[in-house]
């Protein structure tokens, strides 16, 4: 399958900022005292988290692509070249495959 070069690496700074905002929001919404410093993440854990999220997203897109292909008219599948496996992915395809991907990860 084709992988876009832009998917090959995600910005660790962006993911780190998302983590920090989530941790801050959790701390502000919790009833516990916020006198503790926010959690920190080391470089190795951040790198693994970024890779995990990247692989999760790729798997979700691949499965949604398969779901989109399965929802096409079966009569047209004979005319379509078998190596061409790119379909238009809609939100309903992502919703259909998301529970399975979450359970697998």
PDB file of N, CA and C in Angstrom:
ATOM      1  N   UNK A   1       0.825  -1.173   0.000  1.00  0.00           N
ATOM      2  CA  UNK A   1       0.000   0.000   0.000  1.00  0.00           C
ATOM      3  C   UNK A   1       0.871   1.238   0.000  1.00  0.00           C
ATOM      4  N   UNK A   2       0.344   2.290  -0.551  1.00  0.00           N
ATOM      5  CA  UNK A   2       1.061   3.553  -0.630  1.00  0.00           C
ATOM      6  C   UNK A   2       1.005   4.269   0.715  1.00  0.00           C
ATOM      7  N   UNK A   3       2.152   4.735   1.180  1.00  0.00           N
ATOM      8  CA  UNK A   3       2.229   5.537   2.400  1.00  0.00           C
ATOM      9  C   UNK A   3       2.787   6.898   2.034  1.00  0.00           C
ATOM     10  N   UNK A   4       2.062   7.912   2.392  1.00  0.00           N
ATOM     11  CA  UNK A   4       2.515   9.274   2.123  1.00  0.00           C
ATOM     12  C   UNK A   4       3.752   9.587   2.948  1.00  0.00           C
ATOM     13  N   UNK A   5       4.720  10.275   2.389  1.00  0.00           N
ATOM     14  CA  UNK A   5       5.904  10.650   3.174  1.00  0.00           C
ATOM     15  C   UNK A   5       5.549  11.491   4.397  1.00  0.00           C
ATOM     16  N   UNK A   6       4.446  12.230   4.327  1.00  0.00           N
ATOM     17  CA  UNK A   6       4.066  13.056   5.470  1.00  0.00           C
ATOM     18  C   UNK A   6       3.610  12.205   6.649  1.00  0.00           C
ATOM     19  N   UNK A   7       3.222  10.959   6.388  1.00  0.00           N
ATOM     20  CA  UNK A   7       2.816  10.071   7.470  1.00  0.00           C
ATOM     21  C   UNK A   7       3.998   9.370   8.114  1.00  0.00           C
ATOM     22  N   UNK A   8       5.159   9.425   7.475  1.00  0.00           N
ATOM     23  CA  UNK A   8       6.293   8.668   7.979  1.00  0.00           C
ATOM     24  C   UNK A   8       6.846   9.237   9.277  1.00  0.00           C
ATOM     25  N   UNK A   9       6.654  10.503   9.525  1.00  0.00           N
ATOM     26  CA  UNK A   9       7.114  11.059  10.794  1.00  0.00           C
ATOM     27  C   UNK A   9       6.156  12.147  11.248  1.00  0.00           C
ATOM     28  N   UNK A  10       5.811  12.074  12.493  1.00  0.00           N
ATOM     29  CA  UNK A  10       4.949  13.078  13.094  1.00  0.00           C
ATOM     30  C   UNK A  10       5.802  13.952  13.984  1.00  0.00           C
ATOM     31  N   UNK A  11       5.351  15.144  14.213  1.00  0.00           N
ATOM     32  CA  UNK A  11       6.077  16.079  15.057  1.00  0.00           C
ATOM     33  C   UNK A  11       5.935  15.683  16.527  1.00  0.00           C
ATOM     34  N   UNK A  12       7.066  15.368  17.144  1.00  0.00           N
ATOM     35  CA  UNK A  12       7.036  15.015  18.562  1.00  0.00           C
ATOM     36  C   UNK A  12       6.607  16.211  19.400  1.00  0.00           C
ATOM     37  N   UNK A  13       6.965  17.403  18.966  1.00  0.00           N
ATOM     38  CA  UNK A  13       6.582  18.600  19.717  1.00  0.00           C
ATOM     39  C   UNK A  13       5.064  18.777  19.736  1.00  0.00           C
ATOM     40  N   UNK A  14       4.412  18.471  18.616  1.00  0.00           N
ATOM     41  CA  UNK A  14       2.956  18.594  18.553  1.00  0.00           C
ATOM     42  C   UNK A  14       2.288  17.598  19.488  1.00  0.00           C
ATOM     43  N   UNK A  15       2.724  16.347  19.440  1.00  0.00           N
ATOM     44  CA  UNK A  15       2.144  15.320  20.308  1.00  0.00           C
ATOM     45  C   UNK A  15       2.422  15.648  21.769  1.00  0.00           C
ATOM     46  N   UNK A  16       3.616  16.132  22.064  1.00  0.00           N
ATOM     47  CA  UNK A  16       3.947  16.510  23.441  1.00  0.00           C
ATOM     48  C   UNK A  16       3.035  17.636  23.921  1.00  0.00           C
ATOM     49  N   UNK A  17       2.767  18.590  23.059  1.00  0.00           N
ATOM     50  CA  UNK A  17       1.874  19.697  23.427  1.00  0.00           C
ATOM     51  C   UNK A  17       0.447  19.198  23.658  1.00  0.00           C
ATOM     52  N   UNK A  18      -0.011  18.261  22.848  1.00  0.00           N
ATOM     53  CA  UNK A  18      -1.338  17.668  23.054  1.00  0.00           C
ATOM     54  C   UNK A  18      -1.391  16.961  24.401  1.00  0.00           C
ATOM     55  N   UNK A  19      -0.354  16.202  24.724  1.00  0.00           N
ATOM     56  CA  UNK A  19      -0.295  15.532  26.027  1.00  0.00           C
ATOM     57  C   UNK A  19      -0.341  16.550  27.161  1.00  0.00           C
ATOM     58  N   UNK A  20       0.460  17.614  27.050  1.00  0.00           N
ATOM     59  CA  UNK A  20       0.512  18.622  28.111  1.00  0.00           C
ATOM     60  C   UNK A  20      -0.847  19.291  28.301  1.00  0.00           C
ATOM     61  N   UNK A  21      -1.522  19.615  27.209  1.00  0.00           N
ATOM     62  CA  UNK A  21      -2.834  20.246  27.316  1.00  0.00           C
ATOM     63  C   UNK A  21      -3.850  19.302  27.945  1.00  0.00           C
ATOM     64  N   UNK A  22      -3.774  18.024  27.598  1.00  0.00           N
ATOM     65  CA  UNK A  22      -4.678  17.040  28.188  1.00  0.00           C
ATOM     66  C   UNK A  22      -4.416  16.898  29.676  1.00  0.00           C
ATOM     67  N   UNK A  23      -3.159  16.800  30.053  1.00  0.00           N
ATOM     68  CA  UNK A  23      -2.818  16.668  31.472  1.00  0.00           C
ATOM     69  C   UNK A  23      -3.249  17.901  32.252  1.00  0.00           C
ATOM     70  N   UNK A  24      -3.068  19.076  31.672  1.00  0.00           N
ATOM     71  CA  UNK A  24      -3.470  20.311  32.341  1.00  0.00           C
ATOM     72  C   UNK A  24      -4.982  20.366  32.505  1.00  0.00           C
ATOM     73  N   UNK A  25      -5.713  20.008  31.465  1.00  0.00           N
ATOM     74  CA  UNK A  25      -7.173  20.011  31.540  1.00  0.00           C
ATOM     75  C   UNK A  25      -7.663  19.005  32.574  1.00  0.00           C
ATOM     76  N   UNK A  26      -7.028  17.829  32.632  1.00  0.00           N
ATOM     77  CA  UNK A  26      -7.406  16.823  33.626  1.00  0.00           C
ATOM     78  C   UNK A  26      -7.164  17.332  35.036  1.00  0.00           C
ATOM     79  N   UNK A  27      -6.041  17.994  35.230  1.00  0.00           N
ATOM     80  CA  UNK A  27      -5.715  18.511  36.563  1.00  0.00           C
ATOM     81  C   UNK A  27      -6.680  19.610  36.968  1.00  0.00           C
ATOM     82  N   UNK A  28      -7.059  20.475  36.054  1.00  0.00           N
ATOM     83  CA  UNK A  28      -7.972  21.566  36.374  1.00  0.00           C
ATOM     84  C   UNK A  28      -9.379  21.062  36.656  1.00  0.00           C
ATOM     85  N   UNK A  29      -9.769  19.974  35.994  1.00  0.00           N
ATOM     86  CA  UNK A  29     -11.117  19.445  36.189  1.00  0.00           C
ATOM     87  C   UNK A  29     -11.207  18.486  37.372  1.00  0.00           C
ATOM     88  N   UNK A  30     -10.074  18.051  37.901  1.00  0.00           N
ATOM     89  CA  UNK A  30     -10.112  17.119  39.030  1.00  0.00           C
ATOM     90  C   UNK A  30     -10.337  17.881  40.331  1.00  0.00           C
ATOM     91  N   UNK A  31     -10.775  17.155  41.340  1.00  0.00           N
ATOM     92  CA  UNK A  31     -11.033  17.759  42.642  1.00  0.00           C
ATOM     93  C   UNK A  31      -9.796  17.775  43.520  1.00  0.00           C
ATOM     94  N   UNK A  32      -8.723  17.153  43.061  1.00  0.00           N
ATOM     95  CA  UNK A  32      -7.493  17.092  43.842  1.00  0.00           C
ATOM     96  C   UNK A  32      -6.766  18.431  43.794  1.00  0.00           C
ATOM     97  N   UNK A  33      -5.936  18.643  44.795  1.00  0.00           N
ATOM     98  CA  UNK A  33      -5.136  19.870  44.817  1.00  0.00           C
ATOM     99  C   UNK A  33      -4.148  19.849  43.654  1.00  0.00           C
ATOM    100  N   UNK A  34      -3.944  20.977  43.049  1.00  0.00           N
ATOM    101  CA  UNK A  34      -3.047  21.066  41.894  1.00  0.00           C
ATOM    102  C   UNK A  34      -1.681  21.619  42.288  1.00  0.00           C
ATOM    103  N   UNK A  35      -1.255  21.334  43.499  1.00  0.00           N
ATOM    104  CA  UNK A  35       0.043  21.837  43.941  1.00  0.00           C
ATOM    105  C   UNK A  35       1.203  21.043  43.355  1.00  0.00           C
ATOM    106  N   UNK A  36       0.925  19.847  42.856  1.00  0.00           N
ATOM    107  CA  UNK A  36       1.972  19.029  42.239  1.00  0.00           C
ATOM    108  C   UNK A  36       2.336  19.602  40.873  1.00  0.00           C
ATOM    109  N   UNK A  37       3.560  19.395  40.461  1.00  0.00           N
ATOM    110  CA  UNK A  37       3.908  19.809  39.100  1.00  0.00           C
ATOM    111  C   UNK A  37       3.238  18.871  38.088  1.00  0.00           C
ATOM    112  N   UNK A  38       2.994  19.354  36.885  1.00  0.00           N
ATOM    113  CA  UNK A  38       2.377  18.481  35.877  1.00  0.00           C
ATOM    114  C   UNK A  38       3.305  17.321  35.532  1.00  0.00           C
ATOM    115  N   UNK A  39       2.749  16.213  35.064  1.00  0.00           N
ATOM    116  CA  UNK A  39       3.600  15.072  34.706  1.00  0.00           C
ATOM    117  C   UNK A  39       4.557  15.429  33.574  1.00  0.00           C
ATOM    118  N   UNK A  40       5.660  14.733  33.546  1.00  0.00           N
ATOM    119  CA  UNK A  40       6.650  14.921  32.482  1.00  0.00           C
ATOM    120  C   UNK A  40       6.802  13.603  31.742  1.00  0.00           C
ATOM    121  N   UNK A  41       7.280  13.696  30.520  1.00  0.00           N
ATOM    122  CA  UNK A  41       7.491  12.500  29.709  1.00  0.00           C
ATOM    123  C   UNK A  41       8.910  12.579  29.152  1.00  0.00           C
ATOM    124  N   UNK A  42       9.635  11.461  29.244  1.00  0.00           N
ATOM    125  CA  UNK A  42      11.006  11.489  28.713  1.00  0.00           C
ATOM    126  C   UNK A  42      10.980  11.273  27.196  1.00  0.00           C
ATOM    127  N   UNK A  43      12.108  11.489  26.572  1.00  0.00           N
ATOM    128  CA  UNK A  43      12.181  11.442  25.108  1.00  0.00           C
ATOM    129  C   UNK A  43      11.832  10.071  24.537  1.00  0.00           C
ATOM    130  N   UNK A  44      12.277   9.008  25.200  1.00  0.00           N
ATOM    131  CA  UNK A  44      11.995   7.657  24.694  1.00  0.00           C
ATOM    132  C   UNK A  44      10.498   7.361  24.747  1.00  0.00           C
ATOM    133  N   UNK A  45       9.849   7.722  25.843  1.00  0.00           N
ATOM    134  CA  UNK A  45       8.409   7.489  25.970  1.00  0.00           C
ATOM    135  C   UNK A  45       7.627   8.336  24.970  1.00  0.00           C
ATOM    136  N   UNK A  46       8.072   9.553  24.762  1.00  0.00           N
ATOM    137  CA  UNK A  46       7.412  10.418  23.785  1.00  0.00           C
ATOM    138  C   UNK A  46       7.562   9.853  22.380  1.00  0.00           C
ATOM    139  N   UNK A  47       8.757   9.381  22.045  1.00  0.00           N
ATOM    140  CA  UNK A  47       8.998   8.787  20.721  1.00  0.00           C
ATOM    141  C   UNK A  47       8.101   7.561  20.511  1.00  0.00           C
ATOM    142  N   UNK A  48       8.002   6.697  21.507  1.00  0.00           N
ATOM    143  CA  UNK A  48       7.154   5.512  21.390  1.00  0.00           C
ATOM    144  C   UNK A  48       5.679   5.887  21.298  1.00  0.00           C
ATOM    145  N   UNK A  49       5.267   6.908  22.023  1.00  0.00           N
ATOM    146  CA  UNK A  49       3.876   7.361  21.959  1.00  0.00           C
ATOM    147  C   UNK A  49       3.535   7.893  20.571  1.00  0.00           C
ATOM    148  N   UNK A  50       4.451   8.655  19.999  1.00  0.00           N
ATOM    149  CA  UNK A  50       4.239   9.191  18.653  1.00  0.00           C
ATOM    150  C   UNK A  50       4.142   8.050  17.644  1.00  0.00           C
ATOM    151  N   UNK A  51       5.025   7.079  17.749  1.00  0.00           N
ATOM    152  CA  UNK A  51       5.000   5.935  16.824  1.00  0.00           C
ATOM    153  C   UNK A  51       3.720   5.121  16.989  1.00  0.00           C
ATOM    154  N   UNK A  52       3.282   4.932  18.222  1.00  0.00           N
ATOM    155  CA  UNK A  52       2.047   4.198  18.506  1.00  0.00           C
ATOM    156  C   UNK A  52       0.852   4.903  17.864  1.00  0.00           C
ATOM    157  N   UNK A  53       0.750   6.208  18.047  1.00  0.00           N
ATOM    158  CA  UNK A  53      -0.357   6.965  17.465  1.00  0.00           C
ATOM    159  C   UNK A  53      -0.301   6.954  15.940  1.00  0.00           C
ATOM    160  N   UNK A  54       0.900   7.005  15.378  1.00  0.00           N
ATOM    161  CA  UNK A  54       1.056   6.962  13.922  1.00  0.00           C
ATOM    162  C   UNK A  54       0.575   5.624  13.364  1.00  0.00           C
ATOM    163  N   UNK A  55       0.999   4.536  13.999  1.00  0.00           N
ATOM    164  CA  UNK A  55       0.582   3.208  13.544  1.00  0.00           C
ATOM    165  C   UNK A  55      -0.917   2.994  13.733  1.00  0.00           C
ATOM    166  N   UNK A  56      -1.451   3.492  14.836  1.00  0.00           N
ATOM    167  CA  UNK A  56      -2.884   3.395  15.089  1.00  0.00           C
ATOM    168  C   UNK A  56      -3.663   4.097  13.976  1.00  0.00           C
ATOM    169  N   UNK A  57      -3.232   5.284  13.603  1.00  0.00           N
ATOM    170  CA  UNK A  57      -3.911   6.055  12.566  1.00  0.00           C
ATOM    171  C   UNK A  57      -3.818   5.366  11.208  1.00  0.00           C
ATOM    172  N   UNK A  58      -2.656   4.844  10.880  1.00  0.00           N
ATOM    173  CA  UNK A  58      -2.493   4.133   9.608  1.00  0.00           C
ATOM    174  C   UNK A  58      -3.400   2.906   9.562  1.00  0.00           C
ATOM    175  N   UNK A  59      -3.445   2.145  10.646  1.00  0.00           N
ATOM    176  CA  UNK A  59      -4.306   0.956  10.689  1.00  0.00           C
ATOM    177  C   UNK A  59      -5.777   1.344  10.559  1.00  0.00           C
ATOM    178  N   UNK A  60      -6.176   2.415  11.216  1.00  0.00           N
ATOM    179  CA  UNK A  60      -7.556   2.880  11.129  1.00  0.00           C
ATOM    180  C   UNK A  60      -7.904   3.268   9.694  1.00  0.00           C
ATOM    181  N   UNK A  61      -6.999   3.940   9.020  1.00  0.00           N
ATOM    182  CA  UNK A  61      -7.240   4.343   7.633  1.00  0.00           C
ATOM    183  C   UNK A  61      -7.304   3.124   6.714  1.00  0.00           C
ATOM    184  N   UNK A  62      -6.426   2.154   6.915  1.00  0.00           N
ATOM    185  CA  UNK A  62      -6.441   0.944   6.080  1.00  0.00           C
ATOM    186  C   UNK A  62      -7.752   0.184   6.252  1.00  0.00           C
ATOM    187  N   UNK A  63      -8.187   0.025   7.489  1.00  0.00           N
ATOM    188  CA  UNK A  63      -9.438  -0.706   7.720  1.00  0.00           C
ATOM    189  C   UNK A  63     -10.646   0.066   7.204  1.00  0.00           C
ATOM    190  N   UNK A  64     -10.630   1.381   7.333  1.00  0.00           N
ATOM    191  CA  UNK A  64     -11.722   2.187   6.795  1.00  0.00           C
ATOM    192  C   UNK A  64     -11.743   2.098   5.272  1.00  0.00           C
ATOM    193  N   UNK A  65     -10.577   2.018   4.655  1.00  0.00           N
ATOM    194  CA  UNK A  65     -10.492   1.852   3.208  1.00  0.00           C
ATOM    195  C   UNK A  65     -11.105   0.515   2.791  1.00  0.00           C
ATOM    196  N   UNK A  66     -10.828  -0.535   3.559  1.00  0.00           N
ATOM    197  CA  UNK A  66     -11.429  -1.841   3.269  1.00  0.00           C
ATOM    198  C   UNK A  66     -12.938  -1.792   3.449  1.00  0.00           C
ATOM    199  N   UNK A  67     -13.403  -1.098   4.484  1.00  0.00           N
ATOM    200  CA  UNK A  67     -14.843  -0.971   4.712  1.00  0.00           C
ATOM    201  C   UNK A  67     -15.498  -0.179   3.590  1.00  0.00           C
ATOM    202  N   UNK A  68     -14.825   0.843   3.100  1.00  0.00           N
ATOM    203  CA  UNK A  68     -15.355   1.630   1.989  1.00  0.00           C
ATOM    204  C   UNK A  68     -15.426   0.777   0.730  1.00  0.00           C
ATOM    205  N   UNK A  69     -14.445  -0.088   0.532  1.00  0.00           N
ATOM    206  CA  UNK A  69     -14.451  -0.977  -0.628  1.00  0.00           C
ATOM    207  C   UNK A  69     -15.545  -2.012  -0.542  1.00  0.00           C
ATOM    208  N   UNK A  70     -15.851  -2.467   0.657  1.00  0.00           N
ATOM    209  CA  UNK A  70     -16.914  -3.444   0.860  1.00  0.00           C
ATOM    210  C   UNK A  70     -18.291  -2.860   0.675  1.00  0.00           C
ATOM    211  N   UNK A  71     -18.415  -1.533   0.825  1.00  0.00           N
ATOM    212  CA  UNK A  71     -19.722  -0.905   0.686  1.00  0.00           C
ATOM    213  C   UNK A  71     -20.016  -0.507  -0.759  1.00  0.00           C
ATOM    214  N   UNK A  72     -19.043  -0.687  -1.654  1.00  0.00           N
ATOM    215  CA  UNK A  72     -19.262  -0.395  -3.068  1.00  0.00           C
ATOM    216  C   UNK A  72     -20.211  -1.436  -3.659  1.00  0.00           C
ATOM    217  N   UNK A  73     -20.797  -1.101  -4.776  1.00  0.00           N
ATOM    218  CA  UNK A  73     -21.680  -2.029  -5.471  1.00  0.00           C
ATOM    219  C   UNK A  73     -20.876  -3.242  -5.920  1.00  0.00           C
ATOM    220  N   UNK A  74     -21.355  -4.435  -5.594  1.00  0.00           N
ATOM    221  CA  UNK A  74     -20.621  -5.668  -5.909  1.00  0.00           C
ATOM    222  C   UNK A  74     -20.480  -5.877  -7.414  1.00  0.00           C
ATOM    223  N   UNK A  75     -21.405  -5.377  -8.206  1.00  0.00           N
ATOM    224  CA  UNK A  75     -21.318  -5.533  -9.649  1.00  0.00           C
ATOM    225  C   UNK A  75     -20.151  -4.773 -10.248  1.00  0.00           C
ATOM    226  N   UNK A  76     -19.782  -3.685  -9.639  1.00  0.00           N
ATOM    227  CA  UNK A  76     -18.671  -2.883 -10.150  1.00  0.00           C
ATOM    228  C   UNK A  76     -17.324  -3.431  -9.735  1.00  0.00           C
ATOM    229  N   UNK A  77     -17.288  -4.343  -8.771  1.00  0.00           N
ATOM    230  CA  UNK A  77     -16.006  -4.838  -8.280  1.00  0.00           C
ATOM    231  C   UNK A  77     -15.280  -5.676  -9.330  1.00  0.00           C
ATOM    232  N   UNK A  78     -16.012  -6.271 -10.267  1.00  0.00           N
ATOM    233  CA  UNK A  78     -15.364  -7.064 -11.309  1.00  0.00           C
ATOM    234  C   UNK A  78     -14.657  -6.159 -12.313  1.00  0.00           C
ATOM    235  N   UNK A  79     -15.215  -4.971 -12.551  1.00  0.00           N
ATOM    236  CA  UNK A  79     -14.618  -4.051 -13.505  1.00  0.00           C
ATOM    237  C   UNK A  79     -13.410  -3.333 -12.921  1.00  0.00           C
ATOM    238  N   UNK A  80     -13.321  -3.261 -11.641  1.00  0.00           N
ATOM    239  CA  UNK A  80     -12.251  -2.510 -10.980  1.00  0.00           C
ATOM    240  C   UNK A  80     -10.995  -3.372 -10.917  1.00  0.00           C
ATOM    241  N   UNK A  81      -9.876  -2.791 -11.237  1.00  0.00           N
ATOM    242  CA  UNK A  81      -8.600  -3.495 -11.152  1.00  0.00           C
ATOM    243  C   UNK A  81      -8.333  -3.879  -9.700  1.00  0.00           C
ATOM    244  N   UNK A  82      -7.905  -5.112  -9.454  1.00  0.00           N
ATOM    245  CA  UNK A  82      -7.726  -5.590  -8.086  1.00  0.00           C
ATOM    246  C   UNK A  82      -6.581  -4.901  -7.367  1.00  0.00           C
ATOM    247  N   UNK A  83      -5.632  -4.336  -8.095  1.00  0.00           N
ATOM    248  CA  UNK A  83      -4.538  -3.641  -7.423  1.00  0.00           C
ATOM    249  C   UNK A  83      -4.943  -2.239  -6.988  1.00  0.00           C
ATOM    250  N   UNK A  84      -6.025  -1.715  -7.546  1.00  0.00           N
ATOM    251  CA  UNK A  84      -6.497  -0.382  -7.164  1.00  0.00           C
ATOM    252  C   UNK A  84      -7.415  -0.524  -5.959  1.00  0.00           C
ATOM    253  N   UNK A  85      -6.875  -0.248  -4.779  1.00  0.00           N
ATOM    254  CA  UNK A  85      -7.653  -0.455  -3.559  1.00  0.00           C
ATOM    255  C   UNK A  85      -7.901   0.850  -2.821  1.00  0.00           C
ATOM    256  N   UNK A  86      -7.959   1.956  -3.538  1.00  0.00           N
ATOM    257  CA  UNK A  86      -8.228   3.233  -2.900  1.00  0.00           C
ATOM    258  C   UNK A  86      -9.681   3.611  -3.124  1.00  0.00           C
ATOM    259  N   UNK A  87     -10.387   3.832  -2.022  1.00  0.00           N
ATOM    260  CA  UNK A  87     -11.783   4.208  -2.057  1.00  0.00           C
ATOM    261  C   UNK A  87     -11.952   5.501  -1.279  1.00  0.00           C
ATOM    262  N   UNK A  88     -13.072   6.149  -1.474  1.00  0.00           N
ATOM    263  CA  UNK A  88     -13.379   7.355  -0.726  1.00  0.00           C
ATOM    264  C   UNK A  88     -13.809   6.947   0.678  1.00  0.00           C
ATOM    265  N   UNK A  89     -13.059   7.375   1.673  1.00  0.00           N
ATOM    266  CA  UNK A  89     -13.363   7.045   3.065  1.00  0.00           C
ATOM    267  C   UNK A  89     -14.251   8.140   3.633  1.00  0.00           C
ATOM    268  N   UNK A  90     -15.384   7.723   4.186  1.00  0.00           N
ATOM    269  CA  UNK A  90     -16.309   8.656   4.818  1.00  0.00           C
ATOM    270  C   UNK A  90     -16.307   8.413   6.319  1.00  0.00           C
ATOM    271  N   UNK A  91     -16.927   9.320   7.050  1.00  0.00           N
ATOM    272  CA  UNK A  91     -16.966   9.210   8.511  1.00  0.00           C
ATOM    273  C   UNK A  91     -17.613   7.895   8.933  1.00  0.00           C
ATOM    274  N   UNK A  92     -18.627   7.457   8.220  1.00  0.00           N
ATOM    275  CA  UNK A  92     -19.309   6.210   8.596  1.00  0.00           C
ATOM    276  C   UNK A  92     -18.368   5.004   8.512  1.00  0.00           C
ATOM    277  N   UNK A  93     -17.409   5.038   7.593  1.00  0.00           N
ATOM    278  CA  UNK A  93     -16.436   3.945   7.495  1.00  0.00           C
ATOM    279  C   UNK A  93     -15.513   3.947   8.710  1.00  0.00           C
ATOM    280  N   UNK A  94     -15.079   5.133   9.130  1.00  0.00           N
ATOM    281  CA  UNK A  94     -14.238   5.236  10.331  1.00  0.00           C
ATOM    282  C   UNK A  94     -15.012   4.783  11.564  1.00  0.00           C
ATOM    283  N   UNK A  95     -16.281   5.173  11.661  1.00  0.00           N
ATOM    284  CA  UNK A  95     -17.108   4.766  12.797  1.00  0.00           C
ATOM    285  C   UNK A  95     -17.324   3.258  12.817  1.00  0.00           C
ATOM    286  N   UNK A  96     -17.399   2.669  11.654  1.00  0.00           N
ATOM    287  CA  UNK A  96     -17.630   1.228  11.565  1.00  0.00           C
ATOM    288  C   UNK A  96     -16.428   0.429  12.058  1.00  0.00           C
ATOM    289  N   UNK A  97     -15.227   0.868  11.739  1.00  0.00           N
ATOM    290  CA  UNK A  97     -14.028   0.094  12.071  1.00  0.00           C
ATOM    291  C   UNK A  97     -13.358   0.519  13.371  1.00  0.00           C
ATOM    292  N   UNK A  98     -13.714   1.677  13.905  1.00  0.00           N
ATOM    293  CA  UNK A  98     -13.042   2.195  15.109  1.00  0.00           C
ATOM    294  C   UNK A  98     -13.108   1.243  16.304  1.00  0.00           C
ATOM    295  N   UNK A  99     -14.261   0.627  16.617  1.00  0.00           N
ATOM    296  CA  UNK A  99     -14.280  -0.274  17.780  1.00  0.00           C
ATOM    297  C   UNK A  99     -13.309  -1.446  17.646  1.00  0.00           C
ATOM    298  N   UNK A 100     -13.217  -2.032  16.474  1.00  0.00           N
ATOM    299  CA  UNK A 100     -12.297  -3.148  16.267  1.00  0.00           C
ATOM    300  C   UNK A 100     -10.843  -2.736  16.390  1.00  0.00           C
ATOM    301  N   UNK A 101     -10.511  -1.571  15.855  1.00  0.00           N
ATOM    302  CA  UNK A 101      -9.132  -1.081  15.946  1.00  0.00           C
ATOM    303  C   UNK A 101      -8.780  -0.781  17.399  1.00  0.00           C
ATOM    304  N   UNK A 102      -9.702  -0.171  18.130  1.00  0.00           N
ATOM    305  CA  UNK A 102      -9.449   0.118  19.548  1.00  0.00           C
ATOM    306  C   UNK A 102      -9.234  -1.163  20.344  1.00  0.00           C
ATOM    307  N   UNK A 103     -10.010  -2.197  20.052  1.00  0.00           N
ATOM    308  CA  UNK A 103      -9.830  -3.470  20.760  1.00  0.00           C
ATOM    309  C   UNK A 103      -8.504  -4.132  20.396  1.00  0.00           C
ATOM    310  N   UNK A 104      -8.080  -3.994  19.153  1.00  0.00           N
ATOM    311  CA  UNK A 104      -6.822  -4.606  18.725  1.00  0.00           C
ATOM    312  C   UNK A 104      -5.603  -3.883  19.277  1.00  0.00           C
ATOM    313  N   UNK A 105      -5.723  -2.592  19.518  1.00  0.00           N
ATOM    314  CA  UNK A 105      -4.600  -1.833  20.038  1.00  0.00           C
ATOM    315  C   UNK A 105      -4.669  -1.800  21.538  1.00  0.00           C
TER     316      UNK A 105
END
